[in-house]
Amino acid sequence: MYTLQDVLIDTLWIMGLAGLLATLSYSSWYRRERGWRWGHVLNLPRTLVSLCLSLAAFCLGLALNGVTGYAPAPWWETATWSLLALLFVIQTGLYGLAGIRRGWDTPMEEKKR
């Protein structure tokens, strides 16, 4: 029998995947409108913030699922998912600050030609 807690935790990682797909869809449209290449669009804070936030939700959902599941996952698996979620949250904050300071359409790394 599923509980409300199980449903909410499963919703978290499913929404993470949905956010990932929505980000890629939006990025594809934005790339076509601007005439940019994928490498350029995937280097923008506009894209990286939503990608990292979606991946953080996915990792957090899997970590919580490992802790609260009917058969709990090994501790190292839960710790790994938790660490990945934390790293993605930190990256989200860093990309968000870069977007606020330098602009959302300024690439994170400039390529030297």
N, C-alpha and C. Protein backbone atom coordinates (compact mmCIF):
# COMPACT_ATOMS: atom_id res chain seq x y z
N MET A 1 0.83 -1.18 0.00
CA MET A 1 0.00 0.00 0.00
C MET A 1 0.88 1.25 0.00
N TYR A 2 0.57 2.15 -0.86
CA TYR A 2 1.31 3.40 -0.94
C TYR A 2 0.77 4.41 0.08
N THR A 3 1.69 5.14 0.67
CA THR A 3 1.30 6.21 1.59
C THR A 3 1.49 7.54 0.88
N LEU A 4 0.98 8.59 1.51
CA LEU A 4 1.14 9.92 0.94
C LEU A 4 2.62 10.29 0.86
N GLN A 5 3.40 9.87 1.83
CA GLN A 5 4.83 10.14 1.84
C GLN A 5 5.51 9.49 0.63
N ASP A 6 5.17 8.26 0.31
CA ASP A 6 5.73 7.58 -0.86
C ASP A 6 5.39 8.31 -2.15
N VAL A 7 4.16 8.75 -2.25
CA VAL A 7 3.72 9.45 -3.45
C VAL A 7 4.46 10.78 -3.61
N LEU A 8 4.62 11.52 -2.52
CA LEU A 8 5.32 12.81 -2.59
C LEU A 8 6.79 12.63 -2.94
N ILE A 9 7.43 11.62 -2.39
CA ILE A 9 8.84 11.38 -2.71
C ILE A 9 9.00 10.96 -4.16
N ASP A 10 8.11 10.08 -4.63
CA ASP A 10 8.17 9.69 -6.04
C ASP A 10 7.87 10.87 -6.96
N THR A 11 6.98 11.75 -6.52
CA THR A 11 6.68 12.94 -7.30
C THR A 11 7.91 13.83 -7.45
N LEU A 12 8.74 13.88 -6.41
CA LEU A 12 9.93 14.72 -6.45
C LEU A 12 10.89 14.30 -7.55
N TRP A 13 11.22 13.00 -7.64
CA TRP A 13 12.17 12.61 -8.67
C TRP A 13 11.54 12.61 -10.06
N ILE A 14 10.24 12.35 -10.14
CA ILE A 14 9.57 12.41 -11.44
C ILE A 14 9.51 13.86 -11.94
N MET A 15 9.25 14.80 -11.04
CA MET A 15 9.24 16.22 -11.42
C MET A 15 10.64 16.68 -11.81
N GLY A 16 11.67 16.11 -11.20
CA GLY A 16 13.03 16.42 -11.60
C GLY A 16 13.29 16.02 -13.04
N LEU A 17 12.84 14.83 -13.42
CA LEU A 17 12.99 14.40 -14.81
C LEU A 17 12.15 15.24 -15.75
N ALA A 18 10.93 15.60 -15.32
CA ALA A 18 10.07 16.44 -16.15
C ALA A 18 10.71 17.82 -16.34
N GLY A 19 11.33 18.36 -15.28
CA GLY A 19 12.02 19.64 -15.39
C GLY A 19 13.20 19.57 -16.34
N LEU A 20 13.89 18.45 -16.32
CA LEU A 20 15.02 18.25 -17.23
C LEU A 20 14.54 18.26 -18.68
N LEU A 21 13.47 17.54 -18.96
CA LEU A 21 12.93 17.52 -20.32
C LEU A 21 12.38 18.88 -20.74
N ALA A 22 11.73 19.58 -19.83
CA ALA A 22 11.20 20.91 -20.14
C ALA A 22 12.34 21.89 -20.42
N THR A 23 13.42 21.79 -19.66
CA THR A 23 14.57 22.66 -19.88
C THR A 23 15.19 22.41 -21.25
N LEU A 24 15.34 21.15 -21.61
CA LEU A 24 15.92 20.84 -22.92
C LEU A 24 14.99 21.29 -24.05
N SER A 25 13.69 21.16 -23.86
CA SER A 25 12.74 21.62 -24.86
C SER A 25 12.80 23.13 -25.04
N TYR A 26 12.80 23.86 -23.91
CA TYR A 26 12.89 25.31 -23.97
C TYR A 26 14.22 25.74 -24.59
N SER A 27 15.29 25.06 -24.24
CA SER A 27 16.61 25.40 -24.78
C SER A 27 16.66 25.18 -26.28
N SER A 28 15.99 24.13 -26.75
CA SER A 28 15.94 23.86 -28.18
C SER A 28 15.21 24.98 -28.91
N TRP A 29 14.09 25.41 -28.35
CA TRP A 29 13.34 26.51 -28.96
C TRP A 29 14.16 27.80 -28.92
N TYR A 30 14.77 28.11 -27.79
CA TYR A 30 15.56 29.33 -27.63
C TYR A 30 16.76 29.34 -28.58
N ARG A 31 17.37 28.18 -28.76
CA ARG A 31 18.50 28.05 -29.67
C ARG A 31 18.08 28.35 -31.11
N ARG A 32 16.95 27.81 -31.51
CA ARG A 32 16.47 28.06 -32.88
C ARG A 32 16.11 29.52 -33.09
N GLU A 33 15.49 30.16 -32.09
CA GLU A 33 15.10 31.57 -32.21
C GLU A 33 16.33 32.48 -32.35
N ARG A 34 17.37 32.17 -31.64
CA ARG A 34 18.58 33.00 -31.64
C ARG A 34 19.59 32.60 -32.71
N GLY A 35 19.45 31.41 -33.27
CA GLY A 35 20.40 30.94 -34.27
C GLY A 35 21.72 30.50 -33.65
N TRP A 36 21.68 30.05 -32.42
CA TRP A 36 22.89 29.63 -31.70
C TRP A 36 23.08 28.13 -31.83
N ARG A 37 24.26 27.69 -31.42
CA ARG A 37 24.57 26.26 -31.39
C ARG A 37 24.25 25.72 -30.00
N TRP A 38 24.12 24.40 -29.91
CA TRP A 38 23.82 23.77 -28.63
C TRP A 38 24.90 24.05 -27.59
N GLY A 39 26.16 24.04 -28.00
CA GLY A 39 27.24 24.30 -27.06
C GLY A 39 27.13 25.66 -26.40
N HIS A 40 26.65 26.63 -27.17
CA HIS A 40 26.49 27.98 -26.61
C HIS A 40 25.31 28.03 -25.64
N VAL A 41 24.20 27.43 -26.02
CA VAL A 41 23.00 27.48 -25.18
C VAL A 41 23.21 26.71 -23.88
N LEU A 42 23.92 25.58 -23.94
CA LEU A 42 24.16 24.78 -22.73
C LEU A 42 25.22 25.39 -21.83
N ASN A 43 25.78 26.52 -22.22
CA ASN A 43 26.79 27.22 -21.42
C ASN A 43 26.22 28.50 -20.80
N LEU A 44 24.92 28.73 -20.96
CA LEU A 44 24.28 29.93 -20.44
C LEU A 44 23.70 29.69 -19.05
N PRO A 45 23.80 30.67 -18.14
CA PRO A 45 23.17 30.52 -16.82
C PRO A 45 21.67 30.27 -16.92
N ARG A 46 21.03 30.81 -17.94
CA ARG A 46 19.60 30.62 -18.16
C ARG A 46 19.27 29.12 -18.23
N THR A 47 20.10 28.35 -18.89
CA THR A 47 19.89 26.92 -19.05
C THR A 47 20.45 26.14 -17.86
N LEU A 48 21.62 26.53 -17.39
CA LEU A 48 22.30 25.76 -16.35
C LEU A 48 21.57 25.79 -15.01
N VAL A 49 20.93 26.91 -14.69
CA VAL A 49 20.19 26.98 -13.42
C VAL A 49 19.06 25.97 -13.40
N SER A 50 18.27 25.94 -14.44
CA SER A 50 17.14 25.01 -14.45
C SER A 50 17.58 23.55 -14.60
N LEU A 51 18.68 23.31 -15.32
CA LEU A 51 19.20 21.95 -15.42
C LEU A 51 19.66 21.45 -14.05
N CYS A 52 20.44 22.26 -13.36
CA CYS A 52 20.97 21.85 -12.05
C CYS A 52 19.85 21.71 -11.02
N LEU A 53 18.87 22.59 -11.07
CA LEU A 53 17.74 22.50 -10.13
C LEU A 53 16.93 21.22 -10.38
N SER A 54 16.73 20.88 -11.64
CA SER A 54 16.01 19.65 -11.97
C SER A 54 16.79 18.42 -11.53
N LEU A 55 18.09 18.43 -11.76
CA LEU A 55 18.92 17.29 -11.35
C LEU A 55 19.00 17.19 -9.84
N ALA A 56 18.98 18.32 -9.13
CA ALA A 56 18.97 18.29 -7.67
C ALA A 56 17.68 17.65 -7.16
N ALA A 57 16.55 18.00 -7.76
CA ALA A 57 15.27 17.40 -7.36
C ALA A 57 15.27 15.90 -7.63
N PHE A 58 15.82 15.50 -8.76
CA PHE A 58 15.89 14.08 -9.11
C PHE A 58 16.74 13.32 -8.08
N CYS A 59 17.94 13.84 -7.79
CA CYS A 59 18.83 13.17 -6.84
C CYS A 59 18.24 13.14 -5.44
N LEU A 60 17.62 14.23 -5.02
CA LEU A 60 17.00 14.27 -3.70
C LEU A 60 15.86 13.27 -3.60
N GLY A 61 15.07 13.16 -4.65
CA GLY A 61 13.98 12.19 -4.66
C GLY A 61 14.49 10.77 -4.54
N LEU A 62 15.59 10.45 -5.24
CA LEU A 62 16.14 9.10 -5.14
C LEU A 62 16.76 8.84 -3.78
N ALA A 63 17.39 9.86 -3.19
CA ALA A 63 17.97 9.70 -1.85
C ALA A 63 16.87 9.45 -0.82
N LEU A 64 15.81 10.24 -0.89
CA LEU A 64 14.70 10.05 0.05
C LEU A 64 13.99 8.72 -0.17
N ASN A 65 13.90 8.31 -1.41
CA ASN A 65 13.30 7.02 -1.73
C ASN A 65 14.14 5.89 -1.15
N GLY A 66 15.46 6.05 -1.17
CA GLY A 66 16.34 5.03 -0.60
C GLY A 66 16.23 4.94 0.90
N VAL A 67 15.97 6.05 1.56
CA VAL A 67 15.86 6.07 3.02
C VAL A 67 14.51 5.54 3.47
N THR A 68 13.44 5.94 2.80
CA THR A 68 12.09 5.63 3.28
C THR A 68 11.43 4.47 2.56
N GLY A 69 12.13 3.82 1.65
CA GLY A 69 11.52 2.74 0.89
C GLY A 69 11.20 1.52 1.73
N TYR A 70 10.40 0.64 1.16
CA TYR A 70 10.02 -0.60 1.85
C TYR A 70 11.26 -1.41 2.20
N ALA A 71 12.17 -1.52 1.24
CA ALA A 71 13.48 -2.13 1.47
C ALA A 71 14.51 -1.01 1.31
N PRO A 72 14.98 -0.42 2.41
CA PRO A 72 15.90 0.72 2.32
C PRO A 72 17.16 0.38 1.52
N ALA A 73 17.64 1.36 0.78
CA ALA A 73 18.86 1.20 -0.01
C ALA A 73 20.07 1.19 0.92
N PRO A 74 21.20 0.66 0.43
CA PRO A 74 22.41 0.71 1.25
C PRO A 74 22.78 2.15 1.58
N TRP A 75 23.46 2.35 2.70
CA TRP A 75 23.80 3.70 3.17
C TRP A 75 24.65 4.45 2.16
N TRP A 76 25.56 3.75 1.48
CA TRP A 76 26.46 4.42 0.55
C TRP A 76 25.69 4.94 -0.67
N GLU A 77 24.64 4.24 -1.07
CA GLU A 77 23.83 4.69 -2.20
C GLU A 77 23.07 5.97 -1.84
N THR A 78 22.47 5.96 -0.67
CA THR A 78 21.74 7.14 -0.21
C THR A 78 22.69 8.32 -0.01
N ALA A 79 23.87 8.05 0.53
CA ALA A 79 24.86 9.12 0.74
C ALA A 79 25.33 9.70 -0.60
N THR A 80 25.49 8.85 -1.59
CA THR A 80 25.92 9.33 -2.91
C THR A 80 24.86 10.21 -3.56
N TRP A 81 23.60 9.78 -3.51
CA TRP A 81 22.50 10.60 -4.07
C TRP A 81 22.37 11.91 -3.32
N SER A 82 22.55 11.86 -2.00
CA SER A 82 22.46 13.08 -1.19
C SER A 82 23.59 14.04 -1.53
N LEU A 83 24.79 13.53 -1.69
CA LEU A 83 25.93 14.36 -2.05
C LEU A 83 25.73 14.99 -3.42
N LEU A 84 25.25 14.22 -4.37
CA LEU A 84 24.97 14.77 -5.70
C LEU A 84 23.91 15.86 -5.64
N ALA A 85 22.87 15.64 -4.85
CA ALA A 85 21.82 16.66 -4.70
C ALA A 85 22.41 17.94 -4.12
N LEU A 86 23.26 17.81 -3.10
CA LEU A 86 23.89 18.98 -2.49
C LEU A 86 24.77 19.72 -3.50
N LEU A 87 25.55 18.99 -4.27
CA LEU A 87 26.41 19.62 -5.27
C LEU A 87 25.59 20.34 -6.34
N PHE A 88 24.48 19.75 -6.76
CA PHE A 88 23.64 20.41 -7.76
C PHE A 88 22.97 21.67 -7.19
N VAL A 89 22.62 21.64 -5.91
CA VAL A 89 22.05 22.85 -5.28
C VAL A 89 23.09 23.95 -5.23
N ILE A 90 24.32 23.60 -4.89
CA ILE A 90 25.41 24.60 -4.86
C ILE A 90 25.64 25.17 -6.26
N GLN A 91 25.68 24.30 -7.26
CA GLN A 91 25.86 24.76 -8.64
C GLN A 91 24.72 25.66 -9.08
N THR A 92 23.50 25.33 -8.68
CA THR A 92 22.35 26.17 -9.01
C THR A 92 22.55 27.57 -8.46
N GLY A 93 22.98 27.67 -7.22
CA GLY A 93 23.23 28.98 -6.61
C GLY A 93 24.33 29.75 -7.32
N LEU A 94 25.42 29.07 -7.66
CA LEU A 94 26.53 29.74 -8.35
C LEU A 94 26.13 30.22 -9.74
N TYR A 95 25.41 29.39 -10.47
CA TYR A 95 24.95 29.81 -11.81
C TYR A 95 23.92 30.93 -11.70
N GLY A 96 23.08 30.89 -10.67
CA GLY A 96 22.11 31.95 -10.46
C GLY A 96 22.79 33.29 -10.17
N LEU A 97 23.81 33.26 -9.32
CA LEU A 97 24.57 34.49 -9.05
C LEU A 97 25.26 35.02 -10.30
N ALA A 98 25.83 34.10 -11.08
CA ALA A 98 26.48 34.53 -12.33
C ALA A 98 25.46 35.14 -13.28
N GLY A 99 24.26 34.57 -13.34
CA GLY A 99 23.23 35.13 -14.21
C GLY A 99 22.78 36.50 -13.76
N ILE A 100 22.68 36.70 -12.45
CA ILE A 100 22.27 38.00 -11.92
C ILE A 100 23.37 39.04 -12.16
N ARG A 101 24.60 38.66 -11.95
CA ARG A 101 25.72 39.61 -12.06
C ARG A 101 26.09 39.94 -13.50
N ARG A 102 26.19 38.91 -14.34
CA ARG A 102 26.71 39.12 -15.70
C ARG A 102 25.66 39.07 -16.79
N GLY A 103 24.46 38.62 -16.46
CA GLY A 103 23.40 38.50 -17.46
C GLY A 103 23.11 37.05 -17.76
N TRP A 104 21.85 36.79 -18.03
CA TRP A 104 21.42 35.41 -18.23
C TRP A 104 21.84 34.84 -19.58
N ASP A 105 22.20 35.70 -20.53
CA ASP A 105 22.64 35.22 -21.84
C ASP A 105 24.13 35.38 -22.05
N THR A 106 24.89 35.57 -20.99
CA THR A 106 26.34 35.63 -21.08
C THR A 106 26.89 34.24 -20.76
N PRO A 107 27.63 33.65 -21.69
CA PRO A 107 28.13 32.30 -21.45
C PRO A 107 29.03 32.23 -20.20
N MET A 108 29.02 31.08 -19.56
CA MET A 108 29.84 30.88 -18.37
C MET A 108 31.32 30.88 -18.71
N GLU A 109 31.67 30.28 -19.82
CA GLU A 109 33.06 30.23 -20.26
C GLU A 109 33.14 30.76 -21.68
N GLU A 110 33.99 31.71 -21.88
CA GLU A 110 34.21 32.24 -23.23
C GLU A 110 35.25 31.37 -23.93
N LYS A 111 34.97 30.99 -25.15
CA LYS A 111 35.93 30.20 -25.92
C LYS A 111 36.90 31.13 -26.61
N LYS A 112 38.16 30.80 -26.50
CA LYS A 112 39.19 31.62 -27.15
C LYS A 112 39.39 31.08 -28.55
N ARG A 113 39.43 32.01 -29.48
CA ARG A 113 39.58 31.60 -30.90
C ARG A 113 40.89 32.07 -31.43
